[in-house]
Amino acid sequence: IVDAGISECWPCYLLTNGIKQKVASDLENVVFIDTIKAGLTTEHEPYGNVDKAHYDASSEILLGKLFVQALSSVL
């Protein structure tokens, strides 16, 4: 299982990401991607109406690459 953190715009992001990280550290073959540490951003799209709840396109591409790296580490 590969899971990724949620962005800082969510009120409970620290708690949620902490739980996700704890599960990953406690269980075998579970990986947590720290999206904040990876520098993923939300502020670039959609233009004129930024969606802070979701990562922007360049960050989604990076997240996909991080998922591939994470899967490679457990396969």
PDB file of N, CA and C in Angstrom:
ATOM      1  N   ILE A   1       0.850  -1.169   0.000  1.00  0.00           N
ATOM      2  CA  ILE A   1       0.000   0.000   0.000  1.00  0.00           C
ATOM      3  C   ILE A   1       0.897   1.233   0.000  1.00  0.00           C
ATOM      4  N   VAL A   2       0.581   2.167  -0.866  1.00  0.00           N
ATOM      5  CA  VAL A   2       1.266   3.452  -0.875  1.00  0.00           C
ATOM      6  C   VAL A   2       0.205   4.517  -0.614  1.00  0.00           C
ATOM      7  N   ASP A   3       0.461   5.352   0.372  1.00  0.00           N
ATOM      8  CA  ASP A   3      -0.468   6.411   0.746  1.00  0.00           C
ATOM      9  C   ASP A   3       0.289   7.733   0.774  1.00  0.00           C
ATOM     10  N   ALA A   4      -0.416   8.798   0.486  1.00  0.00           N
ATOM     11  CA  ALA A   4       0.210  10.116   0.460  1.00  0.00           C
ATOM     12  C   ALA A   4      -0.507  11.057   1.425  1.00  0.00           C
ATOM     13  N   GLY A   5       0.237  12.031   1.898  1.00  0.00           N
ATOM     14  CA  GLY A   5      -0.317  13.019   2.809  1.00  0.00           C
ATOM     15  C   GLY A   5      -1.259  13.983   2.125  1.00  0.00           C
ATOM     16  N   ILE A   6      -2.063  14.641   2.952  1.00  0.00           N
ATOM     17  CA  ILE A   6      -2.962  15.669   2.446  1.00  0.00           C
ATOM     18  C   ILE A   6      -2.305  17.034   2.637  1.00  0.00           C
ATOM     19  N   SER A   7      -2.805  18.024   1.921  1.00  0.00           N
ATOM     20  CA  SER A   7      -2.179  19.346   1.959  1.00  0.00           C
ATOM     21  C   SER A   7      -2.518  20.104   3.239  1.00  0.00           C
ATOM     22  N   GLU A   8      -1.769  21.155   3.455  1.00  0.00           N
ATOM     23  CA  GLU A   8      -1.905  21.968   4.664  1.00  0.00           C
ATOM     24  C   GLU A   8      -3.193  22.778   4.708  1.00  0.00           C
ATOM     25  N   CYS A   9      -3.964  22.789   3.650  1.00  0.00           N
ATOM     26  CA  CYS A   9      -5.201  23.580   3.665  1.00  0.00           C
ATOM     27  C   CYS A   9      -6.269  22.934   4.542  1.00  0.00           C
ATOM     28  N   TRP A  10      -6.154  21.652   4.800  1.00  0.00           N
ATOM     29  CA  TRP A  10      -7.152  20.951   5.600  1.00  0.00           C
ATOM     30  C   TRP A  10      -6.882  21.185   7.085  1.00  0.00           C
ATOM     31  N   PRO A  11      -7.923  21.515   7.848  1.00  0.00           N
ATOM     32  CA  PRO A  11      -7.742  21.821   9.272  1.00  0.00           C
ATOM     33  C   PRO A  11      -7.071  20.694  10.063  1.00  0.00           C
ATOM     34  N   CYS A  12      -7.306  19.475   9.688  1.00  0.00           N
ATOM     35  CA  CYS A  12      -6.772  18.338  10.461  1.00  0.00           C
ATOM     36  C   CYS A  12      -5.601  17.649   9.749  1.00  0.00           C
ATOM     37  N   TYR A  13      -4.886  18.384   8.891  1.00  0.00           N
ATOM     38  CA  TYR A  13      -3.829  17.752   8.102  1.00  0.00           C
ATOM     39  C   TYR A  13      -2.721  17.149   8.972  1.00  0.00           C
ATOM     40  N   LEU A  14      -2.353  17.799  10.057  1.00  0.00           N
ATOM     41  CA  LEU A  14      -1.291  17.250  10.913  1.00  0.00           C
ATOM     42  C   LEU A  14      -1.712  15.927  11.540  1.00  0.00           C
ATOM     43  N   LEU A  15      -2.916  15.872  12.046  1.00  0.00           N
ATOM     44  CA  LEU A  15      -3.433  14.643  12.644  1.00  0.00           C
ATOM     45  C   LEU A  15      -3.567  13.545  11.592  1.00  0.00           C
ATOM     46  N   THR A  16      -4.179  13.883  10.468  1.00  0.00           N
ATOM     47  CA  THR A  16      -4.391  12.898   9.401  1.00  0.00           C
ATOM     48  C   THR A  16      -3.068  12.358   8.874  1.00  0.00           C
ATOM     49  N   ASN A  17      -2.141  13.245   8.553  1.00  0.00           N
ATOM     50  CA  ASN A  17      -0.854  12.796   8.034  1.00  0.00           C
ATOM     51  C   ASN A  17      -0.073  12.015   9.087  1.00  0.00           C
ATOM     52  N   GLY A  18      -0.206  12.405  10.345  1.00  0.00           N
ATOM     53  CA  GLY A  18       0.460  11.666  11.420  1.00  0.00           C
ATOM     54  C   GLY A  18      -0.055  10.241  11.530  1.00  0.00           C
ATOM     55  N   ILE A  19      -1.362  10.072  11.416  1.00  0.00           N
ATOM     56  CA  ILE A  19      -1.951   8.732  11.469  1.00  0.00           C
ATOM     57  C   ILE A  19      -1.500   7.909  10.270  1.00  0.00           C
ATOM     58  N   LYS A  20      -1.531   8.498   9.096  1.00  0.00           N
ATOM     59  CA  LYS A  20      -1.083   7.795   7.892  1.00  0.00           C
ATOM     60  C   LYS A  20       0.375   7.363   8.032  1.00  0.00           C
ATOM     61  N   GLN A  21       1.203   8.241   8.554  1.00  0.00           N
ATOM     62  CA  GLN A  21       2.625   7.936   8.726  1.00  0.00           C
ATOM     63  C   GLN A  21       2.818   6.834   9.764  1.00  0.00           C
ATOM     64  N   LYS A  22       2.053   6.859  10.838  1.00  0.00           N
ATOM     65  CA  LYS A  22       2.145   5.834  11.889  1.00  0.00           C
ATOM     66  C   LYS A  22       1.762   4.466  11.342  1.00  0.00           C
ATOM     67  N   VAL A  23       0.684   4.404  10.578  1.00  0.00           N
ATOM     68  CA  VAL A  23       0.258   3.138   9.973  1.00  0.00           C
ATOM     69  C   VAL A  23       1.369   2.597   9.074  1.00  0.00           C
ATOM     70  N   ALA A  24       1.954   3.479   8.276  1.00  0.00           N
ATOM     71  CA  ALA A  24       3.025   3.048   7.371  1.00  0.00           C
ATOM     72  C   ALA A  24       4.238   2.537   8.135  1.00  0.00           C
ATOM     73  N   SER A  25       4.533   3.141   9.272  1.00  0.00           N
ATOM     74  CA  SER A  25       5.702   2.692  10.030  1.00  0.00           C
ATOM     75  C   SER A  25       5.419   1.397  10.804  1.00  0.00           C
ATOM     76  N   ASP A  26       4.152   1.154  11.116  1.00  0.00           N
ATOM     77  CA  ASP A  26       3.786  -0.032  11.893  1.00  0.00           C
ATOM     78  C   ASP A  26       3.543  -1.278  11.046  1.00  0.00           C
ATOM     79  N   LEU A  27       3.186  -1.102   9.793  1.00  0.00           N
ATOM     80  CA  LEU A  27       2.816  -2.236   8.951  1.00  0.00           C
ATOM     81  C   LEU A  27       3.840  -2.482   7.844  1.00  0.00           C
ATOM     82  N   GLU A  28       4.053  -3.727   7.562  1.00  0.00           N
ATOM     83  CA  GLU A  28       4.975  -4.113   6.499  1.00  0.00           C
ATOM     84  C   GLU A  28       4.356  -3.804   5.135  1.00  0.00           C
ATOM     85  N   ASN A  29       5.179  -3.409   4.210  1.00  0.00           N
ATOM     86  CA  ASN A  29       4.757  -3.111   2.839  1.00  0.00           C
ATOM     87  C   ASN A  29       3.753  -1.971   2.732  1.00  0.00           C
ATOM     88  N   VAL A  30       3.832  -1.031   3.653  1.00  0.00           N
ATOM     89  CA  VAL A  30       3.028   0.188   3.573  1.00  0.00           C
ATOM     90  C   VAL A  30       4.005   1.357   3.569  1.00  0.00           C
ATOM     91  N   VAL A  31       3.825   2.259   2.625  1.00  0.00           N
ATOM     92  CA  VAL A  31       4.716   3.402   2.472  1.00  0.00           C
ATOM     93  C   VAL A  31       3.886   4.678   2.520  1.00  0.00           C
ATOM     94  N   PHE A  32       4.391   5.666   3.236  1.00  0.00           N
ATOM     95  CA  PHE A  32       3.745   6.979   3.304  1.00  0.00           C
ATOM     96  C   PHE A  32       4.601   7.981   2.553  1.00  0.00           C
ATOM     97  N   ILE A  33       3.979   8.743   1.674  1.00  0.00           N
ATOM     98  CA  ILE A  33       4.657   9.810   0.950  1.00  0.00           C
ATOM     99  C   ILE A  33       4.331  11.126   1.639  1.00  0.00           C
ATOM    100  N   ASP A  34       5.349  11.787   2.137  1.00  0.00           N
ATOM    101  CA  ASP A  34       5.176  13.071   2.806  1.00  0.00           C
ATOM    102  C   ASP A  34       5.125  14.163   1.735  1.00  0.00           C
ATOM    103  N   THR A  35       3.934  14.537   1.352  1.00  0.00           N
ATOM    104  CA  THR A  35       3.748  15.496   0.260  1.00  0.00           C
ATOM    105  C   THR A  35       4.198  16.900   0.634  1.00  0.00           C
ATOM    106  N   ILE A  36       4.145  17.225   1.907  1.00  0.00           N
ATOM    107  CA  ILE A  36       4.598  18.548   2.346  1.00  0.00           C
ATOM    108  C   ILE A  36       6.115  18.624   2.257  1.00  0.00           C
ATOM    109  N   LYS A  37       6.775  17.595   2.762  1.00  0.00           N
ATOM    110  CA  LYS A  37       8.235  17.536   2.685  1.00  0.00           C
ATOM    111  C   LYS A  37       8.715  17.509   1.228  1.00  0.00           C
ATOM    112  N   ALA A  38       7.914  16.875   0.357  1.00  0.00           N
ATOM    113  CA  ALA A  38       8.264  16.788  -1.063  1.00  0.00           C
ATOM    114  C   ALA A  38       8.030  18.111  -1.787  1.00  0.00           C
ATOM    115  N   GLY A  39       7.375  19.056  -1.129  1.00  0.00           N
ATOM    116  CA  GLY A  39       7.176  20.375  -1.712  1.00  0.00           C
ATOM    117  C   GLY A  39       6.012  20.487  -2.679  1.00  0.00           C
ATOM    118  N   LEU A  40       5.058  19.570  -2.618  1.00  0.00           N
ATOM    119  CA  LEU A  40       3.909  19.658  -3.506  1.00  0.00           C
ATOM    120  C   LEU A  40       3.108  20.924  -3.207  1.00  0.00           C
ATOM    121  N   THR A  41       2.563  21.527  -4.251  1.00  0.00           N
ATOM    122  CA  THR A  41       1.870  22.804  -4.111  1.00  0.00           C
ATOM    123  C   THR A  41       0.430  22.728  -4.621  1.00  0.00           C
ATOM    124  N   THR A  42      -0.352  23.683  -4.167  1.00  0.00           N
ATOM    125  CA  THR A  42      -1.760  23.753  -4.567  1.00  0.00           C
ATOM    126  C   THR A  42      -2.119  25.078  -5.219  1.00  0.00           C
ATOM    127  N   GLU A  43      -1.208  26.015  -5.219  1.00  0.00           N
ATOM    128  CA  GLU A  43      -1.586  27.391  -5.556  1.00  0.00           C
ATOM    129  C   GLU A  43      -1.460  27.810  -7.015  1.00  0.00           C
ATOM    130  N   HIS A  44      -1.207  26.897  -7.925  1.00  0.00           N
ATOM    131  CA  HIS A  44      -0.967  27.316  -9.304  1.00  0.00           C
ATOM    132  C   HIS A  44      -2.151  27.121 -10.247  1.00  0.00           C
ATOM    133  N   GLU A  45      -3.170  26.362  -9.866  1.00  0.00           N
ATOM    134  CA  GLU A  45      -4.309  26.132 -10.766  1.00  0.00           C
ATOM    135  C   GLU A  45      -5.562  25.864  -9.961  1.00  0.00           C
ATOM    136  N   PRO A  46      -6.686  25.889 -10.585  1.00  0.00           N
ATOM    137  CA  PRO A  46      -6.909  26.479 -11.904  1.00  0.00           C
ATOM    138  C   PRO A  46      -6.697  27.988 -11.861  1.00  0.00           C
ATOM    139  N   TYR A  47      -6.238  28.506 -12.962  1.00  0.00           N
ATOM    140  CA  TYR A  47      -5.920  29.930 -13.035  1.00  0.00           C
ATOM    141  C   TYR A  47      -7.156  30.777 -12.745  1.00  0.00           C
ATOM    142  N   GLY A  48      -6.997  31.741 -11.878  1.00  0.00           N
ATOM    143  CA  GLY A  48      -8.087  32.628 -11.527  1.00  0.00           C
ATOM    144  C   GLY A  48      -9.028  32.090 -10.460  1.00  0.00           C
ATOM    145  N   ASN A  49      -8.916  30.802 -10.139  1.00  0.00           N
ATOM    146  CA  ASN A  49      -9.785  30.191  -9.131  1.00  0.00           C
ATOM    147  C   ASN A  49      -9.030  29.024  -8.496  1.00  0.00           C
ATOM    148  N   VAL A  50      -7.967  29.325  -7.780  1.00  0.00           N
ATOM    149  CA  VAL A  50      -7.077  28.305  -7.231  1.00  0.00           C
ATOM    150  C   VAL A  50      -7.838  27.355  -6.310  1.00  0.00           C
ATOM    151  N   ASP A  51      -7.557  26.077  -6.471  1.00  0.00           N
ATOM    152  CA  ASP A  51      -8.169  25.020  -5.662  1.00  0.00           C
ATOM    153  C   ASP A  51      -7.156  24.570  -4.620  1.00  0.00           C
ATOM    154  N   LYS A  52      -7.219  25.127  -3.427  1.00  0.00           N
ATOM    155  CA  LYS A  52      -6.259  24.818  -2.365  1.00  0.00           C
ATOM    156  C   LYS A  52      -6.413  23.402  -1.827  1.00  0.00           C
ATOM    157  N   ALA A  53      -7.537  22.757  -2.104  1.00  0.00           N
ATOM    158  CA  ALA A  53      -7.791  21.420  -1.578  1.00  0.00           C
ATOM    159  C   ALA A  53      -7.101  20.321  -2.385  1.00  0.00           C
ATOM    160  N   HIS A  54      -6.595  20.650  -3.563  1.00  0.00           N
ATOM    161  CA  HIS A  54      -5.973  19.637  -4.429  1.00  0.00           C
ATOM    162  C   HIS A  54      -4.643  20.155  -4.959  1.00  0.00           C
ATOM    163  N   TYR A  55      -3.718  19.240  -5.161  1.00  0.00           N
ATOM    164  CA  TYR A  55      -2.414  19.619  -5.703  1.00  0.00           C
ATOM    165  C   TYR A  55      -2.558  20.084  -7.138  1.00  0.00           C
ATOM    166  N   ASP A  56      -1.717  21.021  -7.553  1.00  0.00           N
ATOM    167  CA  ASP A  56      -1.765  21.513  -8.918  1.00  0.00           C
ATOM    168  C   ASP A  56      -1.107  20.505  -9.865  1.00  0.00           C
ATOM    169  N   ALA A  57      -1.191  20.768 -11.153  1.00  0.00           N
ATOM    170  CA  ALA A  57      -0.771  19.788 -12.164  1.00  0.00           C
ATOM    171  C   ALA A  57       0.682  19.352 -12.022  1.00  0.00           C
ATOM    172  N   SER A  58       1.592  20.297 -11.845  1.00  0.00           N
ATOM    173  CA  SER A  58       3.005  19.914 -11.736  1.00  0.00           C
ATOM    174  C   SER A  58       3.245  19.076 -10.487  1.00  0.00           C
ATOM    175  N   SER A  59       2.505  19.350  -9.429  1.00  0.00           N
ATOM    176  CA  SER A  59       2.648  18.549  -8.209  1.00  0.00           C
ATOM    177  C   SER A  59       2.024  17.174  -8.373  1.00  0.00           C
ATOM    178  N   GLU A  60       0.939  17.074  -9.134  1.00  0.00           N
ATOM    179  CA  GLU A  60       0.331  15.762  -9.403  1.00  0.00           C
ATOM    180  C   GLU A  60       1.299  14.879 -10.196  1.00  0.00           C
ATOM    181  N   ILE A  61       2.017  15.475 -11.127  1.00  0.00           N
ATOM    182  CA  ILE A  61       3.017  14.716 -11.892  1.00  0.00           C
ATOM    183  C   ILE A  61       4.120  14.233 -10.959  1.00  0.00           C
ATOM    184  N   LEU A  62       4.598  15.116 -10.097  1.00  0.00           N
ATOM    185  CA  LEU A  62       5.616  14.728  -9.129  1.00  0.00           C
ATOM    186  C   LEU A  62       5.083  13.640  -8.196  1.00  0.00           C
ATOM    187  N   LEU A  63       3.844  13.772  -7.762  1.00  0.00           N
ATOM    188  CA  LEU A  63       3.248  12.767  -6.883  1.00  0.00           C
ATOM    189  C   LEU A  63       3.204  11.403  -7.573  1.00  0.00           C
ATOM    190  N   GLY A  64       2.882  11.384  -8.845  1.00  0.00           N
ATOM    191  CA  GLY A  64       2.891  10.126  -9.602  1.00  0.00           C
ATOM    192  C   GLY A  64       4.272   9.492  -9.598  1.00  0.00           C
ATOM    193  N   LYS A  65       5.300  10.303  -9.776  1.00  0.00           N
ATOM    194  CA  LYS A  65       6.677   9.797  -9.754  1.00  0.00           C
ATOM    195  C   LYS A  65       7.045   9.286  -8.358  1.00  0.00           C
ATOM    196  N   LEU A  66       6.565   9.982  -7.328  1.00  0.00           N
ATOM    197  CA  LEU A  66       6.833   9.535  -5.957  1.00  0.00           C
ATOM    198  C   LEU A  66       6.132   8.207  -5.663  1.00  0.00           C
ATOM    199  N   PHE A  67       4.934   8.025  -6.215  1.00  0.00           N
ATOM    200  CA  PHE A  67       4.235   6.747  -6.064  1.00  0.00           C
ATOM    201  C   PHE A  67       5.026   5.620  -6.728  1.00  0.00           C
ATOM    202  N   VAL A  68       5.561   5.869  -7.911  1.00  0.00           N
ATOM    203  CA  VAL A  68       6.358   4.846  -8.621  1.00  0.00           C
ATOM    204  C   VAL A  68       7.592   4.492  -7.781  1.00  0.00           C
ATOM    205  N   GLN A  69       8.276   5.493  -7.254  1.00  0.00           N
ATOM    206  CA  GLN A  69       9.453   5.228  -6.412  1.00  0.00           C
ATOM    207  C   GLN A  69       9.064   4.422  -5.180  1.00  0.00           C
ATOM    208  N   ALA A  70       7.955   4.780  -4.559  1.00  0.00           N
ATOM    209  CA  ALA A  70       7.508   4.081  -3.361  1.00  0.00           C
ATOM    210  C   ALA A  70       7.138   2.637  -3.678  1.00  0.00           C
ATOM    211  N   LEU A  71       6.436   2.423  -4.773  1.00  0.00           N
ATOM    212  CA  LEU A  71       6.091   1.053  -5.160  1.00  0.00           C
ATOM    213  C   LEU A  71       7.330   0.231  -5.446  1.00  0.00           C
ATOM    214  N   SER A  72       8.300   0.842  -6.082  1.00  0.00           N
ATOM    215  CA  SER A  72       9.558   0.147  -6.394  1.00  0.00           C
ATOM    216  C   SER A  72      10.265  -0.313  -5.125  1.00  0.00           C
ATOM    217  N   SER A  73      10.075   0.426  -4.043  1.00  0.00           N
ATOM    218  CA  SER A  73      10.758   0.073  -2.797  1.00  0.00           C
ATOM    219  C   SER A  73      10.123  -1.107  -2.089  1.00  0.00           C
ATOM    220  N   VAL A  74       8.878  -1.438  -2.401  1.00  0.00           N
ATOM    221  CA  VAL A  74       8.208  -2.545  -1.715  1.00  0.00           C
ATOM    222  C   VAL A  74       7.981  -3.754  -2.612  1.00  0.00           C
ATOM    223  N   LEU A  75       8.255  -3.645  -3.894  1.00  0.00           N
ATOM    224  CA  LEU A  75       8.043  -4.780  -4.792  1.00  0.00           C
ATOM    225  C   LEU A  75       9.256  -5.670  -4.872  1.00  0.00           C
TER     226      LEU A  75
END
